[in-house]
Amino acid sequence: MTDRRASAGRLGAIVPTPEDFDRITADALPFLLDHAIAQTRRCLRETGQWADDIGHEKLAVRIAYELLERFLVYGRTELPCRPLFLLESVISKHFSQSEPLYYQKDLLSPLGRFLDGLVSKAVVSRDALMALYYHLYGLTQGPIVKLLGLGPSECHRVYKNFERWRRCGWERAIAEIGITEEELRQLECSQALDPARINVEATRLVPMIQAHYRRSEPQHFPCLTRQQWEHLLTQGSGYDYRVWHLAMCRDCLWHAYTIRLARQIDQPSPPIAVHFHPMPKVRLVASALSLGGNGNEKQLPTECLSRSSA
């Protein structure tokens, strides 16, 4: 009890610097998680979305984990602040959104939780963001590099993202999502027996999930027309925008897909092809990659592409 009071006291005081914020929150992570779960449970009760059963308890923990992770990233940009009050603000703001994603019953199924968890992780992890192209569409590193129009240094980073995701990121993400090995096996068995059914259901869920998580996207990241995407990709600018938005918007991905990969497919957007495990390790052949998409290969200068952290 004394430790909890001490944690609450430190978290209720003003924190002036990012270093202080990191130190105080790291020391109080168990308390912060318990507090986030309690606040999430309260919000679910107040909105009539709660029942005293194990399913809703797991749901509260899953939401609390995600909101706490967002708070730890977001808090460093809101200094000085009182961390405990800021965490409560993040939780309250989330539940004040119209038609929250977690009220969708379809997302309580193993497939819904899997897709929701991966897209949620991609909001805060670049490794997960790049892997999303594979998990949703089956795109491997080479086509991703070509699709996004990346330069040589960014190309190598995509391979590093996939390697880190395969080595450690994937297991952490699955643990956070709460998907068990048995549920993954069942999903894979269902896919083997009837792949069309899994992909049809995922095709219905993915746009809804992507639209929800794009609410945190900066206002200057709007959807573009095909002509605007062609100009952006040709100029080799807007690196962060391309990587983020195309992973989170299937409609815009269709424009880039047809422009960069020169595919003409009679579908409104690239087909969903769900993969339940990371892409197997393959031999790296980066030298063969080019940046053009229509046979007129043109090497874009790396200098015109902005950088983002790995």
Protein backbone atom coordinates (compact mmCIF):
# COMPACT_ATOMS: atom_id res chain seq x y z
CA MET A 1 0.00 0.00 0.00
CA THR A 2 2.86 2.37 0.85
CA ASP A 3 4.50 1.68 -2.53
CA ARG A 4 1.25 2.42 -4.35
CA ARG A 5 0.82 5.71 -2.49
CA ALA A 6 4.42 6.63 -3.31
CA SER A 7 3.89 5.79 -6.99
CA ALA A 8 0.68 7.82 -7.11
CA GLY A 9 2.46 10.72 -5.45
CA ARG A 10 5.34 10.75 -7.92
CA LEU A 11 3.03 10.35 -10.91
CA GLY A 12 0.79 13.15 -9.67
CA ALA A 13 3.68 15.64 -9.49
CA ILE A 14 4.80 17.79 -12.39
CA VAL A 15 7.44 16.14 -14.61
CA PRO A 16 9.51 18.71 -16.52
CA THR A 17 11.83 16.74 -18.85
CA PRO A 18 11.69 13.65 -21.10
CA GLU A 19 14.41 12.00 -19.01
CA ASP A 20 12.38 12.47 -15.81
CA PHE A 21 9.27 11.20 -17.57
CA ASP A 22 11.04 8.03 -18.76
CA ARG A 23 12.57 7.36 -15.33
CA ILE A 24 9.38 7.91 -13.32
CA THR A 25 7.11 5.92 -15.64
CA ALA A 26 9.61 3.04 -15.90
CA ASP A 27 9.70 2.74 -12.10
CA ALA A 28 5.89 2.80 -11.89
CA LEU A 29 4.86 0.60 -14.84
CA PRO A 30 2.96 -2.01 -12.73
CA PHE A 31 1.01 0.75 -10.99
CA LEU A 32 0.29 2.51 -14.31
CA LEU A 33 -0.98 -0.71 -15.89
CA ASP A 34 -3.25 -1.47 -12.92
CA HIS A 35 -4.57 2.09 -13.05
CA ALA A 36 -5.15 1.89 -16.82
CA ILE A 37 -7.06 -1.39 -16.42
CA ALA A 38 -9.23 0.06 -13.65
CA GLN A 39 -10.00 3.20 -15.67
CA THR A 40 -10.76 1.13 -18.78
CA ARG A 41 -13.10 -1.10 -16.80
CA ARG A 42 -14.86 1.99 -15.43
CA CYS A 43 -15.31 3.48 -18.91
CA LEU A 44 -16.72 0.22 -20.26
CA ARG A 45 -19.18 0.05 -17.37
CA GLU A 46 -20.31 3.65 -17.81
CA THR A 47 -20.96 3.11 -21.51
CA GLY A 48 -22.90 -0.12 -20.97
CA GLN A 49 -20.26 -2.31 -22.56
CA TRP A 50 -19.29 -4.35 -19.51
CA ALA A 51 -20.19 -7.75 -18.08
CA ASP A 52 -18.49 -9.49 -15.17
CA ASP A 53 -16.91 -12.35 -17.11
CA ILE A 54 -13.46 -13.43 -18.20
CA GLY A 55 -13.98 -12.23 -21.78
CA HIS A 56 -14.56 -8.64 -20.72
CA GLU A 57 -11.70 -8.78 -18.21
CA LYS A 58 -9.35 -9.82 -21.04
CA LEU A 59 -10.77 -7.04 -23.19
CA ALA A 60 -10.08 -4.46 -20.46
CA VAL A 61 -6.49 -5.67 -20.12
CA ARG A 62 -5.93 -5.58 -23.88
CA ILE A 63 -7.28 -2.04 -24.23
CA ALA A 64 -5.33 -0.88 -21.17
CA TYR A 65 -2.06 -2.27 -22.58
CA GLU A 66 -2.57 -0.39 -25.84
CA LEU A 67 -3.54 2.89 -24.18
CA LEU A 68 -0.63 2.68 -21.76
CA GLU A 69 1.75 2.14 -24.67
CA ARG A 70 0.31 5.18 -26.45
CA PHE A 71 0.65 7.22 -23.26
CA LEU A 72 4.33 6.31 -22.89
CA VAL A 73 5.03 7.54 -26.43
CA TYR A 74 2.69 10.52 -26.36
CA GLY A 75 3.64 11.74 -22.87
CA ARG A 76 7.16 12.78 -23.84
CA THR A 77 5.65 15.36 -26.24
CA GLU A 78 3.32 16.87 -23.62
CA LEU A 79 5.86 18.12 -21.06
CA PRO A 80 5.67 19.48 -18.49
CA CYS A 81 2.81 17.28 -17.34
CA ARG A 82 1.41 15.28 -14.43
CA PRO A 83 1.75 11.68 -15.76
CA LEU A 84 -1.17 10.19 -13.82
CA PHE A 85 -3.57 12.88 -15.02
CA LEU A 86 -2.24 12.62 -18.57
CA LEU A 87 -2.83 8.85 -18.61
CA GLU A 88 -6.42 9.37 -17.46
CA SER A 89 -6.82 11.99 -20.17
CA VAL A 90 -5.58 9.59 -22.86
CA ILE A 91 -8.03 6.92 -21.69
CA SER A 92 -10.96 9.34 -21.46
CA LYS A 93 -10.23 10.77 -24.90
CA HIS A 94 -10.14 7.29 -26.38
CA PHE A 95 -13.54 6.36 -24.99
CA SER A 96 -15.07 9.69 -25.98
CA GLN A 97 -14.56 8.89 -29.66
CA SER A 98 -17.71 8.17 -31.60
CA GLU A 99 -18.35 4.48 -32.25
CA PRO A 100 -15.19 3.12 -30.60
CA LEU A 101 -13.65 0.20 -32.42
CA TYR A 102 -13.80 -2.11 -29.41
CA TYR A 103 -17.59 -2.02 -29.42
CA GLN A 104 -17.54 -4.11 -32.62
CA LYS A 105 -18.44 -7.67 -31.62
CA ASP A 106 -16.75 -9.08 -34.73
CA LEU A 107 -13.37 -8.03 -33.33
CA LEU A 108 -13.77 -10.33 -30.34
CA SER A 109 -13.24 -13.37 -32.60
CA PRO A 110 -9.70 -14.75 -32.96
CA LEU A 111 -9.42 -13.34 -36.49
CA GLY A 112 -10.76 -9.95 -35.42
CA ARG A 113 -8.40 -9.77 -32.44
CA PHE A 114 -5.46 -10.81 -34.62
CA LEU A 115 -6.10 -8.13 -37.25
CA ASP A 116 -6.96 -5.44 -34.72
CA GLY A 117 -3.86 -6.20 -32.65
CA LEU A 118 -1.48 -6.08 -35.63
CA VAL A 119 -2.80 -2.76 -36.93
CA SER A 120 -2.78 -1.32 -33.41
CA LYS A 121 0.86 -2.37 -32.98
CA ALA A 122 1.74 -0.80 -36.33
CA VAL A 123 0.67 2.59 -34.97
CA VAL A 124 3.64 2.63 -32.56
CA SER A 125 6.17 0.20 -34.11
CA ARG A 126 7.86 0.67 -37.49
CA ASP A 127 8.79 -3.02 -37.59
CA ALA A 128 5.10 -3.92 -37.21
CA LEU A 129 4.13 -1.26 -39.75
CA MET A 130 6.38 -2.71 -42.44
CA ALA A 131 5.34 -6.28 -41.58
CA LEU A 132 1.71 -5.25 -41.99
CA TYR A 133 2.18 -5.21 -45.77
CA TYR A 134 3.02 -8.92 -45.58
CA HIS A 135 0.44 -10.00 -42.99
CA LEU A 136 -2.46 -8.33 -44.83
CA TYR A 137 -1.45 -8.56 -48.50
CA GLY A 138 1.40 -11.09 -48.70
CA LEU A 139 3.86 -8.45 -49.98
CA THR A 140 7.51 -9.36 -49.34
CA GLN A 141 10.42 -6.94 -48.94
CA GLY A 142 11.26 -6.51 -52.63
CA PRO A 143 7.73 -5.56 -53.74
CA ILE A 144 7.36 -3.30 -50.66
CA VAL A 145 10.54 -1.41 -51.59
CA LYS A 146 9.26 -0.99 -55.13
CA LEU A 147 5.74 -0.07 -54.02
CA LEU A 148 6.96 2.68 -51.68
CA GLY A 149 9.66 3.91 -54.06
CA LEU A 150 12.46 3.69 -51.49
CA GLY A 151 16.11 4.61 -51.95
CA PRO A 152 19.07 2.29 -51.21
CA SER A 153 19.39 3.10 -47.50
CA GLU A 154 15.63 2.85 -46.91
CA CYS A 155 15.63 -0.44 -48.83
CA HIS A 156 18.07 -2.01 -46.37
CA ARG A 157 16.02 -0.73 -43.45
CA VAL A 158 12.97 -2.62 -44.71
CA TYR A 159 14.96 -5.86 -44.53
CA LYS A 160 16.11 -4.96 -41.02
CA ASN A 161 12.50 -4.25 -40.01
CA PHE A 162 11.43 -7.69 -41.20
CA GLU A 163 14.37 -9.36 -39.45
CA ARG A 164 13.69 -7.66 -36.11
CA TRP A 165 9.98 -8.42 -36.41
CA ARG A 166 10.72 -12.08 -37.12
CA ARG A 167 13.32 -12.34 -34.35
CA CYS A 168 11.51 -10.69 -31.43
CA GLY A 169 8.79 -8.21 -32.40
CA TRP A 170 6.31 -10.84 -33.50
CA GLU A 171 6.34 -12.79 -30.24
CA ARG A 172 5.91 -9.63 -28.17
CA ALA A 173 3.03 -8.47 -30.34
CA ILE A 174 1.23 -11.82 -30.12
CA ALA A 175 1.64 -11.81 -26.34
CA GLU A 176 0.20 -8.29 -26.15
CA ILE A 177 -2.71 -9.18 -28.42
CA GLY A 178 -3.50 -12.21 -26.29
CA ILE A 179 -3.72 -14.69 -29.16
CA THR A 180 -2.73 -18.22 -28.09
CA GLU A 181 -0.79 -20.74 -30.16
CA GLU A 182 -3.89 -22.91 -30.26
CA GLU A 183 -5.96 -20.05 -31.70
CA LEU A 184 -3.30 -19.40 -34.34
CA ARG A 185 -3.29 -23.10 -35.26
CA GLN A 186 -7.08 -23.07 -35.58
CA LEU A 187 -6.95 -19.98 -37.80
CA GLU A 188 -4.34 -21.60 -40.02
CA CYS A 189 -6.34 -24.83 -40.22
CA SER A 190 -9.46 -22.87 -41.20
CA GLN A 191 -7.45 -21.02 -43.83
CA ALA A 192 -6.07 -24.28 -45.24
CA LEU A 193 -9.56 -25.79 -45.48
CA ASP A 194 -11.29 -22.69 -46.88
CA PRO A 195 -8.87 -19.82 -47.64
CA ALA A 196 -11.55 -17.78 -49.41
CA ARG A 197 -13.72 -17.59 -46.27
CA ILE A 198 -10.89 -16.25 -44.10
CA ASN A 199 -9.89 -13.66 -46.68
CA VAL A 200 -13.48 -12.56 -47.30
CA GLU A 201 -14.00 -12.00 -43.58
CA ALA A 202 -10.67 -10.17 -43.31
CA THR A 203 -11.59 -8.03 -46.33
CA ARG A 204 -14.67 -6.89 -44.43
CA LEU A 205 -12.79 -6.12 -41.20
CA VAL A 206 -9.55 -4.54 -42.45
CA PRO A 207 -11.02 -1.24 -43.81
CA MET A 208 -12.94 -0.69 -40.56
CA ILE A 209 -9.83 -1.33 -38.45
CA GLN A 210 -7.60 0.84 -40.63
CA ALA A 211 -10.07 3.73 -40.57
CA HIS A 212 -10.21 3.58 -36.77
CA TYR A 213 -6.46 3.75 -36.25
CA ARG A 214 -6.02 6.49 -38.86
CA ARG A 215 -7.81 8.80 -36.42
CA SER A 216 -4.43 9.43 -34.83
CA GLU A 217 -2.95 10.35 -38.20
CA PRO A 218 -1.84 13.97 -38.72
CA GLN A 219 -4.33 16.11 -40.58
CA HIS A 220 -1.81 16.70 -43.37
CA PHE A 221 -1.91 12.99 -44.24
CA PRO A 222 -5.19 12.91 -46.23
CA CYS A 223 -6.17 10.39 -48.87
CA LEU A 224 -4.92 11.38 -52.34
CA THR A 225 -6.19 10.86 -55.86
CA ARG A 226 -4.37 8.56 -58.26
CA GLN A 227 -2.80 11.57 -60.01
CA GLN A 228 -1.57 12.98 -56.69
CA TRP A 229 -0.06 9.63 -55.70
CA GLU A 230 1.64 9.34 -59.08
CA HIS A 231 3.19 12.79 -58.61
CA LEU A 232 4.29 11.99 -55.05
CA LEU A 233 5.87 8.67 -56.00
CA THR A 234 7.54 10.10 -59.09
CA GLN A 235 9.09 12.93 -57.08
CA GLY A 236 10.29 10.53 -54.40
CA SER A 237 9.06 12.80 -51.61
CA GLY A 238 6.80 12.27 -48.60
CA TYR A 239 8.65 9.20 -47.31
CA ASP A 240 6.98 9.05 -43.88
CA TYR A 241 3.61 9.73 -45.46
CA ARG A 242 3.96 6.88 -47.96
CA VAL A 243 5.11 4.30 -45.43
CA TRP A 244 2.40 5.12 -42.88
CA HIS A 245 -0.61 5.99 -45.00
CA LEU A 246 -0.36 3.19 -47.56
CA ALA A 247 -0.17 0.58 -44.79
CA MET A 248 -3.24 2.11 -43.15
CA CYS A 249 -5.41 2.82 -46.20
CA ARG A 250 -6.32 0.08 -48.63
CA ASP A 251 -7.91 2.48 -51.14
CA CYS A 252 -4.75 4.58 -51.48
CA LEU A 253 -2.65 1.42 -51.56
CA TRP A 254 -4.53 0.43 -54.69
CA HIS A 255 -3.35 3.58 -56.49
CA ALA A 256 0.29 3.07 -55.48
CA TYR A 257 0.03 -0.65 -56.26
CA THR A 258 -1.04 -0.05 -59.86
CA ILE A 259 1.41 2.84 -60.35
CA ARG A 260 4.56 1.28 -58.89
CA LEU A 261 4.03 -2.41 -59.61
CA ALA A 262 2.27 -1.94 -62.97
CA ARG A 263 -0.50 -4.38 -62.05
CA GLN A 264 -3.95 -4.05 -63.63
CA ILE A 265 -6.38 -6.02 -61.48
CA ASP A 266 -10.15 -5.82 -61.74
CA GLN A 267 -10.62 -5.17 -58.04
CA PRO A 268 -11.27 -1.94 -56.10
CA SER A 269 -8.11 -2.47 -54.02
CA PRO A 270 -5.34 -5.06 -53.53
CA PRO A 271 -6.71 -8.43 -52.43
CA ILE A 272 -6.39 -9.35 -48.78
CA ALA A 273 -4.21 -12.42 -48.28
CA VAL A 274 -3.84 -12.93 -44.53
CA HIS A 275 -0.63 -14.47 -43.16
CA PHE A 276 -0.71 -15.55 -39.53
CA HIS A 277 3.06 -15.82 -39.02
CA PRO A 278 6.02 -13.63 -40.07
CA MET A 279 7.55 -14.12 -43.47
CA PRO A 280 10.18 -16.91 -43.38
CA LYS A 281 13.79 -15.81 -43.61
CA VAL A 282 15.03 -15.57 -47.19
CA ARG A 283 18.36 -14.69 -48.76
CA LEU A 284 18.88 -10.95 -49.21
CA VAL A 285 19.44 -9.90 -52.82
CA ALA A 286 19.19 -6.12 -52.51
CA SER A 287 21.36 -5.33 -55.53
CA ALA A 288 18.67 -6.56 -57.91
CA LEU A 289 16.06 -4.11 -56.63
CA SER A 290 15.07 -1.13 -58.74
CA LEU A 291 12.74 1.76 -58.05
CA GLY A 292 10.74 2.07 -61.25
CA GLY A 293 7.40 0.41 -61.78
CA ASN A 294 6.58 0.56 -65.48
CA GLY A 295 9.71 -0.73 -67.15
CA ASN A 296 11.25 2.77 -67.25
CA GLU A 297 13.56 2.28 -64.32
CA LYS A 298 14.85 5.47 -62.77
CA GLN A 299 17.15 5.71 -59.77
CA LEU A 300 15.75 8.31 -57.38
CA PRO A 301 18.26 10.26 -55.30
CA THR A 302 18.20 9.17 -51.68
CA GLU A 303 18.62 12.80 -50.63
CA CYS A 304 15.05 13.67 -51.67
CA LEU A 305 13.59 11.14 -49.26
CA SER A 306 12.99 12.17 -45.67
CA ARG A 307 14.11 9.97 -42.81
CA SER A 308 12.26 8.36 -39.95
CA SER A 309 13.56 6.45 -36.97
CA ALA A 310 13.99 2.70 -37.18
